């Protein structure tokens, strides 16, 4: 569990560093980008290795209904992390669509993985998304929504999200996790 919690903590630190210590980050210049990217990549490696090795209490398991809800939530998560909300006509006024998509992704995974390692990984990342939204809103209170796009863009990105869900599902299946029941 140490690797997992270290990975989640490193993810938080690398992502929040710019907002919590803007002067220190600015002093790093362009070299700081590479370092932050390396720390984020390291955090992902730690989370993957830690999650696969972690053991903990089990509270609930997969159920056909939760798998279906999870997959619908994943389509929404993929849509919100796409350019769709900013280019479309439905959610263009949403300030943090990518972080919202990330939060939906985390909740969808908690829904079908009711064990302590999942709470640490997906819960920790979901809370990070909420904190990140609050920190951004506090640091940059003024925000202007992009211009309203066309509904066709929303439909296009929803379609792309469905295709991506299929591809991600195949990768999950290859890794031994059956996302479609």
Foldseek 3Di string as FASTA:
>chain_A
DVLQLVLLVLLLCLVCVCLVPVPVCVVCPPVSVVVSVVSNVSSVVSNVVCLVPDDFDADDAADLVLLVVLLVLQLQLQLLLDCLLCAAAPNQVPDRSNLVSLLSNLVSQCSHGRTDSSCSNSVSSNVSSVVVVVSCCVVPVDDDGHDHHYNVSSVVSSVVSNVVSVVVQVVCVVVPHHSND
